[in-house]
């Protein structure tokens, strides 16, 4: 994939069937779970704007805010989950999704988004829990996904 442009609003993706409708992110966004590698990079980059939205679960203790983790703590983490930093409640929408036009959405943390967001491509595998994905519809009509 080749990315061009200087700002999120100018981001153009070549050879990408995604219509940037935001549907995947609006439906699955609250369930985003980063990997330990994602969290490590955010810690190293000082991305408190991202870390504040996640908590880490370890086998032997109560959940800890990812803001409070040190890189050496990551070995004891068994899972991560997204939580509202103000209330501690589960979120209903991905906080990183940005509406840039009437029907166009972009990821506010695109260059450092979690692995699961990078690899989710329903138009390739025909995997979807909704039938409104325009890219999936195009793939099905073109016979370009694997069944």
Protein backbone atom coordinates (compact mmCIF):
# COMPACT_ATOMS: atom_id res chain seq x y z
CA UNK A 1 0.00 0.00 0.00
CA UNK A 2 1.33 3.44 -0.85
CA UNK A 3 0.33 6.44 1.23
CA UNK A 4 0.59 10.01 -0.02
CA UNK A 5 -0.36 13.39 1.34
CA UNK A 6 0.75 15.40 4.34
CA UNK A 7 -2.28 15.50 6.59
CA UNK A 8 -5.05 13.13 7.52
CA UNK A 9 -7.45 15.13 5.32
CA UNK A 10 -5.11 14.76 2.35
CA UNK A 11 -4.46 11.07 2.93
CA UNK A 12 -4.94 9.12 -0.28
CA UNK A 13 -4.55 5.39 -0.46
CA UNK A 14 -3.62 3.85 -3.78
CA UNK A 15 -4.54 0.28 -4.70
CA UNK A 16 -6.86 0.05 -1.71
CA UNK A 17 -10.47 -1.05 -2.19
CA UNK A 18 -11.57 0.48 1.12
CA UNK A 19 -14.17 3.19 0.53
CA UNK A 20 -13.29 4.87 3.87
CA UNK A 21 -16.95 4.82 4.88
CA UNK A 22 -15.99 4.17 8.52
CA UNK A 23 -18.44 1.27 8.83
CA UNK A 24 -15.87 -1.25 10.13
CA UNK A 25 -14.54 1.24 12.64
CA UNK A 26 -17.98 2.32 13.78
CA UNK A 27 -19.13 -1.26 14.31
CA UNK A 28 -15.95 -2.94 15.57
CA UNK A 29 -14.04 0.09 16.89
CA UNK A 30 -15.05 -0.36 20.53
CA UNK A 31 -13.54 -3.85 20.47
CA UNK A 32 -10.08 -2.75 19.37
CA UNK A 33 -7.41 -4.66 21.25
CA UNK A 34 -3.80 -3.66 20.59
CA UNK A 35 -0.90 -6.06 20.80
CA UNK A 36 1.87 -5.70 23.36
CA UNK A 37 4.07 -4.50 20.49
CA UNK A 38 1.56 -1.75 19.66
CA UNK A 39 1.50 -0.63 23.30
CA UNK A 40 5.29 -0.80 23.54
CA UNK A 41 5.65 1.50 20.53
CA UNK A 42 3.10 3.94 21.94
CA UNK A 43 4.99 4.01 25.25
CA UNK A 44 8.31 4.59 23.46
CA UNK A 45 6.77 7.33 21.30
CA UNK A 46 5.11 9.01 24.28
CA UNK A 47 1.65 8.57 22.72
CA UNK A 48 -0.34 9.33 25.85
CA UNK A 49 -3.20 10.40 23.56
CA UNK A 50 -3.57 6.75 22.56
CA UNK A 51 -2.46 5.00 25.76
CA UNK A 52 -5.09 6.79 27.84
CA UNK A 53 -7.82 4.86 25.99
CA UNK A 54 -6.58 1.39 26.98
CA UNK A 55 -6.25 -0.73 30.09
CA UNK A 56 -4.05 -3.78 30.49
CA UNK A 57 -5.04 -6.98 32.27
CA UNK A 58 -2.44 -9.09 34.03
CA UNK A 59 -3.00 -12.52 35.52
CA UNK A 60 -2.18 -11.57 39.08
CA UNK A 61 -3.56 -8.07 39.58
CA UNK A 62 -6.30 -5.59 38.85
CA UNK A 63 -6.41 -3.84 35.48
CA UNK A 64 -3.87 -1.08 35.01
CA UNK A 65 -4.14 1.94 32.75
CA UNK A 66 -1.74 1.65 29.83
CA UNK A 67 -0.61 5.18 30.70
CA UNK A 68 0.86 3.70 33.88
CA UNK A 69 2.73 0.83 32.19
CA UNK A 70 6.46 0.67 31.71
CA UNK A 71 7.89 -1.32 28.79
CA UNK A 72 9.12 -4.02 31.18
CA UNK A 73 5.54 -4.52 32.48
CA UNK A 74 4.31 -5.76 29.11
CA UNK A 75 5.56 -9.31 29.65
CA UNK A 76 2.96 -9.86 32.36
CA UNK A 77 0.00 -8.50 30.36
CA UNK A 78 -2.48 -11.07 29.07
CA UNK A 79 -4.90 -8.71 27.31
CA UNK A 80 -5.76 -5.11 26.57
CA UNK A 81 -9.14 -3.43 26.17
CA UNK A 82 -10.43 -0.01 25.29
CA UNK A 83 -12.00 2.09 28.03
CA UNK A 84 -13.11 5.71 28.29
CA UNK A 85 -10.31 7.49 30.18
CA UNK A 86 -12.78 9.80 31.94
CA UNK A 87 -15.29 7.23 33.17
CA UNK A 88 -13.53 3.87 32.92
CA UNK A 89 -16.57 2.56 31.03
CA UNK A 90 -16.46 0.68 27.75
CA UNK A 91 -16.61 2.92 24.70
CA UNK A 92 -19.35 2.73 22.09
CA UNK A 93 -17.39 4.26 19.21
CA UNK A 94 -13.71 4.21 18.34
CA UNK A 95 -12.32 7.51 19.69
CA UNK A 96 -9.77 7.68 16.88
CA UNK A 97 -12.27 7.67 14.01
CA UNK A 98 -12.49 11.08 12.35
CA UNK A 99 -15.24 12.16 10.00
CA UNK A 100 -13.67 14.20 7.19
CA UNK A 101 -16.63 14.41 4.79
CA UNK A 102 -20.30 13.49 4.71
CA UNK A 103 -19.57 9.83 3.97
CA UNK A 104 -15.81 9.62 4.50
CA UNK A 105 -13.95 8.70 7.68
CA UNK A 106 -10.24 8.37 8.43
CA UNK A 107 -8.26 6.97 11.31
CA UNK A 108 -6.83 9.67 13.55
CA UNK A 109 -3.90 7.40 14.47
CA UNK A 110 -3.49 5.78 11.07
CA UNK A 111 0.31 5.56 11.07
CA UNK A 112 0.39 3.83 14.49
CA UNK A 113 -3.01 2.13 14.63
CA UNK A 114 -3.28 -1.33 16.25
CA UNK A 115 -2.33 -4.39 14.22
CA UNK A 116 -5.91 -5.67 14.20
CA UNK A 117 -7.01 -2.49 12.42
CA UNK A 118 -4.21 -2.81 9.88
CA UNK A 119 -5.03 -6.39 9.00
CA UNK A 120 -8.84 -6.25 8.92
CA UNK A 121 -9.82 -6.34 5.25
CA UNK A 122 -13.28 -7.84 4.73
CA UNK A 123 -13.09 -7.32 0.97
CA UNK A 124 -10.26 -9.87 0.74
CA UNK A 125 -11.82 -12.71 2.70
CA UNK A 126 -15.50 -11.89 2.33
CA UNK A 127 -15.68 -11.72 6.11
CA UNK A 128 -18.19 -9.29 7.46
CA UNK A 129 -20.96 -9.10 10.00
CA UNK A 130 -22.79 -6.48 7.98
CA UNK A 131 -23.86 -6.25 4.36
CA UNK A 132 -23.38 -2.53 3.81
CA UNK A 133 -19.62 -2.62 3.11
CA UNK A 134 -19.21 -1.04 -0.34
CA UNK A 135 -15.72 -2.52 -0.81
CA UNK A 136 -17.01 -5.99 0.05
CA UNK A 137 -19.87 -5.57 -2.41
CA UNK A 138 -17.43 -4.63 -5.17
CA UNK A 139 -15.20 -7.59 -4.33
CA UNK A 140 -18.12 -9.99 -4.41
CA UNK A 141 -19.26 -8.68 -7.80
CA UNK A 142 -15.70 -8.97 -9.16
CA UNK A 143 -15.15 -12.39 -7.56
CA UNK A 144 -11.95 -11.12 -5.94
CA UNK A 145 -12.22 -12.48 -2.40
CA UNK A 146 -11.45 -15.98 -1.18
CA UNK A 147 -14.28 -18.09 0.17
